[in-house]
PDB file of N, CA and C in Angstrom:
ATOM      1  N   MET A   1      31.493  23.196 -99.879  1.00  0.00           N
ATOM      2  CA  MET A   1      31.693  22.096-100.261  1.00  0.00           C
ATOM      3  C   MET A   1      32.186  22.628-101.842  1.00  0.00           C
ATOM      4  N   ARG A   2      33.282  22.269-102.831  1.00  0.00           N
ATOM      5  CA  ARG A   2      33.827  21.963-103.863  1.00  0.00           C
ATOM      6  C   ARG A   2      33.604  20.764-104.811  1.00  0.00           C
ATOM      7  N   THR A   3      33.068  21.047-105.620  1.00  0.00           N
ATOM      8  CA  THR A   3      31.962  20.200-106.568  1.00  0.00           C
ATOM      9  C   THR A   3      33.547  19.672-107.409  1.00  0.00           C
ATOM     10  N   ILE A   4      33.819  18.652-108.189  1.00  0.00           N
ATOM     11  CA  ILE A   4      34.677  18.571-109.583  1.00  0.00           C
ATOM     12  C   ILE A   4      34.354  17.280-110.325  1.00  0.00           C
ATOM     13  N   GLN A   5      35.013  16.844-111.409  1.00  0.00           N
ATOM     14  CA  GLN A   5      34.714  16.499-112.278  1.00  0.00           C
ATOM     15  C   GLN A   5      35.709  15.719-112.034  1.00  0.00           C
ATOM     16  N   ALA A   6      34.696  14.196-112.128  1.00  0.00           N
ATOM     17  CA  ALA A   6      35.473  12.445-112.364  1.00  0.00           C
ATOM     18  C   ALA A   6      37.386  12.824-113.142  1.00  0.00           C
ATOM     19  N   SER A   7      36.962  13.289-113.933  1.00  0.00           N
ATOM     20  CA  SER A   7      37.942  13.432-115.497  1.00  0.00           C
ATOM     21  C   SER A   7      39.181  14.183-114.484  1.00  0.00           C
ATOM     22  N   GLU A   8      38.784  15.619-113.777  1.00  0.00           N
ATOM     23  CA  GLU A   8      39.839  16.777-113.632  1.00  0.00           C
ATOM     24  C   GLU A   8      40.239  15.754-112.203  1.00  0.00           C
ATOM     25  N   PHE A   9      39.723  15.467-111.430  1.00  0.00           N
ATOM     26  CA  PHE A   9      40.081  14.583-110.043  1.00  0.00           C
ATOM     27  C   PHE A   9      40.855  13.175-110.416  1.00  0.00           C
ATOM     28  N   LYS A  10      40.799  13.048-111.722  1.00  0.00           N
ATOM     29  CA  LYS A  10      41.857  12.132-111.796  1.00  0.00           C
ATOM     30  C   LYS A  10      43.021  12.886-112.521  1.00  0.00           C
ATOM     31  N   ALA A  11      43.312  13.773-112.840  1.00  0.00           N
ATOM     32  CA  ALA A  11      44.182  14.837-113.517  1.00  0.00           C
ATOM     33  C   ALA A  11      44.340  14.918-111.987  1.00  0.00           C
ATOM     34  N   ARG A  12      44.606  15.339-111.056  1.00  0.00           N
ATOM     35  CA  ARG A  12      44.438  16.769-110.307  1.00  0.00           C
ATOM     36  C   ARG A  12      44.683  15.682-108.580  1.00  0.00           C
ATOM     37  N   CYS A  13      44.343  14.563-108.538  1.00  0.00           N
ATOM     38  CA  CYS A  13      44.474  13.766-107.376  1.00  0.00           C
ATOM     39  C   CYS A  13      45.023  13.895-106.917  1.00  0.00           C
ATOM     40  N   LEU A  14      46.976  14.074-107.296  1.00  0.00           N
ATOM     41  CA  LEU A  14      47.532  13.514-105.444  1.00  0.00           C
ATOM     42  C   LEU A  14      47.429  15.381-105.441  1.00  0.00           C
ATOM     43  N   ALA A  15      47.546  16.628-106.300  1.00  0.00           N
ATOM     44  CA  ALA A  15      47.389  18.034-105.843  1.00  0.00           C
ATOM     45  C   ALA A  15      46.305  17.853-104.939  1.00  0.00           C
ATOM     46  N   LEU A  16      45.377  17.768-105.408  1.00  0.00           N
ATOM     47  CA  LEU A  16      43.602  17.236-104.742  1.00  0.00           C
ATOM     48  C   LEU A  16      44.100  17.432-103.406  1.00  0.00           C
ATOM     49  N   MET A  17      44.436  16.218-102.728  1.00  0.00           N
ATOM     50  CA  MET A  17      44.124  15.306-101.867  1.00  0.00           C
ATOM     51  C   MET A  17      45.507  16.586-101.106  1.00  0.00           C
ATOM     52  N   ASP A  18      46.573  17.061-101.238  1.00  0.00           N
ATOM     53  CA  ASP A  18      47.605  17.900-100.615  1.00  0.00           C
ATOM     54  C   ASP A  18      46.152  19.143 -99.907  1.00  0.00           C
ATOM     55  N   GLN A  19      46.128  19.502-101.305  1.00  0.00           N
ATOM     56  CA  GLN A  19      45.174  20.675-100.776  1.00  0.00           C
ATOM     57  C   GLN A  19      44.761  20.406-100.050  1.00  0.00           C
ATOM     58  N   VAL A  20      43.432  19.424 -99.652  1.00  0.00           N
ATOM     59  CA  VAL A  20      42.180  19.257 -98.787  1.00  0.00           C
ATOM     60  C   VAL A  20      43.226  18.824 -97.414  1.00  0.00           C
ATOM     61  N   ALA A  21      43.770  18.061 -97.150  1.00  0.00           N
ATOM     62  CA  ALA A  21      45.626  18.376 -95.921  1.00  0.00           C
ATOM     63  C   ALA A  21      45.518  19.261 -96.042  1.00  0.00           C
ATOM     64  N   ALA A  22      46.337  20.670 -96.528  1.00  0.00           N
ATOM     65  CA  ALA A  22      46.461  21.501 -95.596  1.00  0.00           C
ATOM     66  C   ALA A  22      44.805  22.431 -95.316  1.00  0.00           C
ATOM     67  N   THR A  23      44.070  22.478 -96.077  1.00  0.00           N
ATOM     68  CA  THR A  23      42.507  23.664 -95.690  1.00  0.00           C
ATOM     69  C   THR A  23      41.418  22.671 -94.780  1.00  0.00           C
ATOM     70  N   GLY A  24      41.438  21.463 -95.004  1.00  0.00           N
ATOM     71  CA  GLY A  24      40.379  21.110 -94.684  1.00  0.00           C
ATOM     72  C   GLY A  24      38.890  21.041 -95.362  1.00  0.00           C
ATOM     73  N   GLU A  25      39.083  21.409 -96.665  1.00  0.00           N
ATOM     74  CA  GLU A  25      38.229  21.987 -97.657  1.00  0.00           C
ATOM     75  C   GLU A  25      37.560  20.726 -98.782  1.00  0.00           C
ATOM     76  N   ILE A  26      36.519  20.150 -98.623  1.00  0.00           N
ATOM     77  CA  ILE A  26      35.695  18.669 -98.571  1.00  0.00           C
ATOM     78  C   ILE A  26      34.923  19.054 -99.953  1.00  0.00           C
ATOM     79  N   VAL A  27      35.588  18.297-100.382  1.00  0.00           N
ATOM     80  CA  VAL A  27      35.939  17.987-102.043  1.00  0.00           C
ATOM     81  C   VAL A  27      34.622  16.854-103.273  1.00  0.00           C
ATOM     82  N   VAL A  28      33.769  17.585-103.199  1.00  0.00           N
ATOM     83  CA  VAL A  28      32.994  16.272-104.027  1.00  0.00           C
ATOM     84  C   VAL A  28      32.752  15.519-105.147  1.00  0.00           C
ATOM     85  N   VAL A  29      32.963  14.599-105.390  1.00  0.00           N
ATOM     86  CA  VAL A  29      33.270  14.224-107.413  1.00  0.00           C
ATOM     87  C   VAL A  29      32.792  13.932-108.124  1.00  0.00           C
ATOM     88  N   THR A  30      32.683  14.721-109.161  1.00  0.00           N
ATOM     89  CA  THR A  30      30.837  14.275-109.607  1.00  0.00           C
ATOM     90  C   THR A  30      31.826  13.547-110.816  1.00  0.00           C
ATOM     91  N   LYS A  31      30.604  12.011-111.223  1.00  0.00           N
ATOM     92  CA  LYS A  31      30.593  11.746-112.807  1.00  0.00           C
ATOM     93  C   LYS A  31      29.157  11.725-113.776  1.00  0.00           C
ATOM     94  N   ASN A  32      28.865  12.230-114.232  1.00  0.00           N
ATOM     95  CA  ASN A  32      28.258  12.539-115.231  1.00  0.00           C
ATOM     96  C   ASN A  32      26.827  13.778-114.715  1.00  0.00           C
ATOM     97  N   GLY A  33      27.443  14.646-114.091  1.00  0.00           N
ATOM     98  CA  GLY A  33      26.750  14.979-112.346  1.00  0.00           C
ATOM     99  C   GLY A  33      25.877  15.204-111.715  1.00  0.00           C
ATOM    100  N   LYS A  34      26.051  14.269-111.242  1.00  0.00           N
ATOM    101  CA  LYS A  34      25.833  13.087-110.354  1.00  0.00           C
ATOM    102  C   LYS A  34      27.526  13.302-109.044  1.00  0.00           C
ATOM    103  N   PRO A  35      27.201  13.301-108.083  1.00  0.00           N
ATOM    104  CA  PRO A  35      27.634  12.297-107.114  1.00  0.00           C
ATOM    105  C   PRO A  35      28.453  12.108-106.505  1.00  0.00           C
ATOM    106  N   VAL A  36      28.922  11.361-106.713  1.00  0.00           N
ATOM    107  CA  VAL A  36      29.850   9.973-106.554  1.00  0.00           C
ATOM    108  C   VAL A  36      31.320   8.935-105.141  1.00  0.00           C
ATOM    109  N   ALA A  37      31.963  10.464-104.857  1.00  0.00           N
ATOM    110  CA  ALA A  37      32.614  10.552-103.564  1.00  0.00           C
ATOM    111  C   ALA A  37      32.884  11.599-103.252  1.00  0.00           C
ATOM    112  N   GLU A  38      33.576  11.808-102.412  1.00  0.00           N
ATOM    113  CA  GLU A  38      34.162  12.694-101.071  1.00  0.00           C
ATOM    114  C   GLU A  38      35.263  12.906-100.540  1.00  0.00           C
ATOM    115  N   LEU A  39      36.354  13.978-100.746  1.00  0.00           N
ATOM    116  CA  LEU A  39      37.294  13.560-100.177  1.00  0.00           C
ATOM    117  C   LEU A  39      37.390  14.265 -99.499  1.00  0.00           C
ATOM    118  N   HIS A  40      37.764  14.014 -97.890  1.00  0.00           N
ATOM    119  CA  HIS A  40      37.791  15.057 -97.418  1.00  0.00           C
ATOM    120  C   HIS A  40      38.779  14.939 -95.607  1.00  0.00           C
ATOM    121  N   PRO A  41      39.341  15.809 -95.560  1.00  0.00           N
ATOM    122  CA  PRO A  41      41.181  15.069 -94.298  1.00  0.00           C
ATOM    123  C   PRO A  41      40.294  13.975 -93.761  1.00  0.00           C
ATOM    124  N   TYR A  42      41.901  13.437 -93.679  1.00  0.00           N
ATOM    125  CA  TYR A  42      41.146  12.243 -92.070  1.00  0.00           C
ATOM    126  C   TYR A  42      41.762  12.590 -91.167  1.00  0.00           C
ATOM    127  N   GLU A  43      40.303  11.744 -90.072  1.00  0.00           N
ATOM    128  CA  GLU A  43      40.879  12.373 -88.762  1.00  0.00           C
ATOM    129  C   GLU A  43      41.138  11.688 -87.973  1.00  0.00           C
ATOM    130  N   GLY A  44      40.536  10.568 -88.603  1.00  0.00           N
ATOM    131  CA  GLY A  44      41.234   9.189 -87.344  1.00  0.00           C
ATOM    132  C   GLY A  44      42.656   9.255 -87.033  1.00  0.00           C
ATOM    133  N   GLU A  45      42.943   7.643 -85.855  1.00  0.00           N
ATOM    134  CA  GLU A  45      44.313   8.548 -85.833  1.00  0.00           C
ATOM    135  C   GLU A  45      45.084   6.819 -86.323  1.00  0.00           C
ATOM    136  N   ARG A  46      46.408   6.779 -86.612  1.00  0.00           N
ATOM    137  CA  ARG A  46      46.963   5.256 -87.505  1.00  0.00           C
ATOM    138  C   ARG A  46      47.009   4.387 -86.048  1.00  0.00           C
ATOM    139  N   ARG A  47      47.221   3.671 -86.811  1.00  0.00           N
ATOM    140  CA  ARG A  47      46.549   2.041 -85.963  1.00  0.00           C
ATOM    141  C   ARG A  47      48.588   2.370 -85.389  1.00  0.00           C
ATOM    142  N   ALA A  48      48.334   1.659 -84.397  1.00  0.00           N
ATOM    143  CA  ALA A  48      49.538   1.185 -83.101  1.00  0.00           C
ATOM    144  C   ALA A  48      50.154  -0.035 -84.045  1.00  0.00           C
ATOM    145  N   SER A  49      48.849  -1.095 -84.305  1.00  0.00           N
ATOM    146  CA  SER A  49      49.259  -2.472 -84.750  1.00  0.00           C
ATOM    147  C   SER A  49      49.409  -2.042 -86.953  1.00  0.00           C
ATOM    148  N   PRO A  50      51.028  -3.198 -86.638  1.00  0.00           N
ATOM    149  CA  PRO A  50      50.507  -3.296 -88.863  1.00  0.00           C
ATOM    150  C   PRO A  50      50.208  -3.874 -89.427  1.00  0.00           C
ATOM    151  N   PHE A  51      48.862  -4.567 -87.881  1.00  0.00           N
ATOM    152  CA  PHE A  51      47.639  -5.936 -88.269  1.00  0.00           C
ATOM    153  C   PHE A  51      46.761  -4.794 -89.073  1.00  0.00           C
ATOM    154  N   GLY A  52      46.545  -4.470 -88.876  1.00  0.00           N
ATOM    155  CA  GLY A  52      44.534  -3.250 -88.511  1.00  0.00           C
ATOM    156  C   GLY A  52      44.119  -4.161 -87.784  1.00  0.00           C
ATOM    157  N   LEU A  53      43.002  -4.162 -88.310  1.00  0.00           N
ATOM    158  CA  LEU A  53      41.865  -4.764 -87.104  1.00  0.00           C
ATOM    159  C   LEU A  53      42.601  -6.523 -86.574  1.00  0.00           C
ATOM    160  N   HIS A  54      44.017  -6.459 -86.173  1.00  0.00           N
ATOM    161  CA  HIS A  54      44.415  -7.804 -86.152  1.00  0.00           C
ATOM    162  C   HIS A  54      45.081  -7.297 -84.065  1.00  0.00           C
ATOM    163  N   PRO A  55      45.133  -6.190 -83.815  1.00  0.00           N
ATOM    164  CA  PRO A  55      45.931  -6.118 -82.790  1.00  0.00           C
ATOM    165  C   PRO A  55      46.418  -6.364 -81.710  1.00  0.00           C
ATOM    166  N   GLY A  56      46.074  -7.521 -81.457  1.00  0.00           N
ATOM    167  CA  GLY A  56      46.314  -9.058 -80.850  1.00  0.00           C
ATOM    168  C   GLY A  56      46.690  -9.707 -81.505  1.00  0.00           C
ATOM    169  N   LEU A  57      47.222  -9.596 -82.420  1.00  0.00           N
ATOM    170  CA  LEU A  57      48.041 -10.250 -83.271  1.00  0.00           C
ATOM    171  C   LEU A  57      49.698 -10.465 -82.726  1.00  0.00           C
ATOM    172  N   ARG A  58      50.473 -11.195 -82.628  1.00  0.00           N
ATOM    173  CA  ARG A  58      52.052 -10.797 -82.207  1.00  0.00           C
ATOM    174  C   ARG A  58      53.214 -12.030 -82.842  1.00  0.00           C
ATOM    175  N   ILE A  59      53.925 -11.635 -83.974  1.00  0.00           N
ATOM    176  CA  ILE A  59      54.244 -12.444 -84.318  1.00  0.00           C
ATOM    177  C   ILE A  59      56.404 -12.994 -82.539  1.00  0.00           C
ATOM    178  N   HIS A  60      56.584 -14.701 -82.666  1.00  0.00           N
ATOM    179  CA  HIS A  60      57.670 -14.909 -81.833  1.00  0.00           C
ATOM    180  C   HIS A  60      58.234 -15.392 -83.276  1.00  0.00           C
ATOM    181  N   GLY A  61      59.350 -14.995 -83.344  1.00  0.00           N
ATOM    182  CA  GLY A  61      60.676 -15.989 -84.000  1.00  0.00           C
ATOM    183  C   GLY A  61      60.573 -14.519 -84.999  1.00  0.00           C
ATOM    184  N   ASP A  62      61.365 -16.037 -85.959  1.00  0.00           N
ATOM    185  CA  ASP A  62      61.824 -15.601 -87.469  1.00  0.00           C
ATOM    186  C   ASP A  62      60.808 -15.884 -88.896  1.00  0.00           C
ATOM    187  N   VAL A  63      60.254 -14.699 -88.902  1.00  0.00           N
ATOM    188  CA  VAL A  63      59.220 -15.046 -89.919  1.00  0.00           C
ATOM    189  C   VAL A  63      59.643 -14.688 -91.459  1.00  0.00           C
ATOM    190  N   VAL A  64      60.484 -14.799 -91.187  1.00  0.00           N
ATOM    191  CA  VAL A  64      61.244 -14.706 -92.952  1.00  0.00           C
ATOM    192  C   VAL A  64      62.552 -15.802 -92.784  1.00  0.00           C
ATOM    193  N   ALA A  65      62.696 -16.451 -92.372  1.00  0.00           N
ATOM    194  CA  ALA A  65      63.992 -17.291 -92.045  1.00  0.00           C
ATOM    195  C   ALA A  65      63.327 -18.638 -92.669  1.00  0.00           C
ATOM    196  N   PRO A  66      64.004 -19.759 -93.662  1.00  0.00           N
ATOM    197  CA  PRO A  66      63.552 -20.673 -94.251  1.00  0.00           C
ATOM    198  C   PRO A  66      63.444 -21.208 -93.116  1.00  0.00           C
ATOM    199  N   VAL A  67      61.694 -22.166 -93.430  1.00  0.00           N
ATOM    200  CA  VAL A  67      62.286 -24.298 -92.431  1.00  0.00           C
ATOM    201  C   VAL A  67      61.983 -25.065 -92.866  1.00  0.00           C
ATOM    202  N   ALA A  68      63.919 -24.976 -91.792  1.00  0.00           N
ATOM    203  CA  ALA A  68      64.155 -26.180 -92.608  1.00  0.00           C
ATOM    204  C   ALA A  68      62.835 -27.271 -92.151  1.00  0.00           C
ATOM    205  N   ASP A  69      62.911 -28.496 -92.702  1.00  0.00           N
ATOM    206  CA  ASP A  69      62.217 -29.968 -92.015  1.00  0.00           C
ATOM    207  C   ASP A  69      62.767 -30.649 -91.078  1.00  0.00           C
ATOM    208  N   GLY A  70      61.108 -30.119 -90.436  1.00  0.00           N
ATOM    209  CA  GLY A  70      60.657 -31.270 -89.008  1.00  0.00           C
ATOM    210  C   GLY A  70      61.070 -29.804 -88.015  1.00  0.00           C
ATOM    211  N   ASP A  71      61.059 -28.611 -89.163  1.00  0.00           N
ATOM    212  CA  ASP A  71      60.928 -27.838 -88.249  1.00  0.00           C
ATOM    213  C   ASP A  71      59.209 -26.810 -87.656  1.00  0.00           C
ATOM    214  N   TRP A  72      58.630 -27.816 -88.549  1.00  0.00           N
ATOM    215  CA  TRP A  72      57.214 -27.620 -87.992  1.00  0.00           C
ATOM    216  C   TRP A  72      56.119 -28.549 -88.335  1.00  0.00           C
ATOM    217  N   GLU A  73      54.944 -28.465 -88.022  1.00  0.00           N
ATOM    218  CA  GLU A  73      53.821 -29.282 -87.871  1.00  0.00           C
ATOM    219  C   GLU A  73      52.464 -29.105 -88.547  1.00  0.00           C
ATOM    220  N   ALA A  74      52.256 -29.756 -89.400  1.00  0.00           N
ATOM    221  CA  ALA A  74      50.550 -29.585 -89.782  1.00  0.00           C
ATOM    222  C   ALA A  74      49.313 -29.817 -89.306  1.00  0.00           C
ATOM    223  N   LEU A  75      48.266 -28.798 -89.124  1.00  0.00           N
ATOM    224  CA  LEU A  75      47.645 -29.592 -88.835  1.00  0.00           C
ATOM    225  C   LEU A  75      47.198 -30.102 -89.398  1.00  0.00           C
ATOM    226  N   ALA A  76      45.567 -31.095 -89.100  1.00  0.00           N
ATOM    227  CA  ALA A  76      45.305 -32.421 -89.876  1.00  0.00           C
ATOM    228  C   ALA A  76      43.918 -31.551 -89.313  1.00  0.00           C
TER     229      ALA A  76
END
């Protein structure tokens, strides 16, 4: 497992992410000599829902069109 100082990680983070994705190597980020974060390849799957933790949410109708007066009802 490779370690890198936070200042160096900040300067090279995009290249390090590419390297971790390509090699699977884990990189530990340190601050003042103590581990604070770990960069490792993502092992999960992308969610099918664009709503994250709300897979049951469904959109009905046009959600970006302006709402005309009288087309909606407020809940009290």
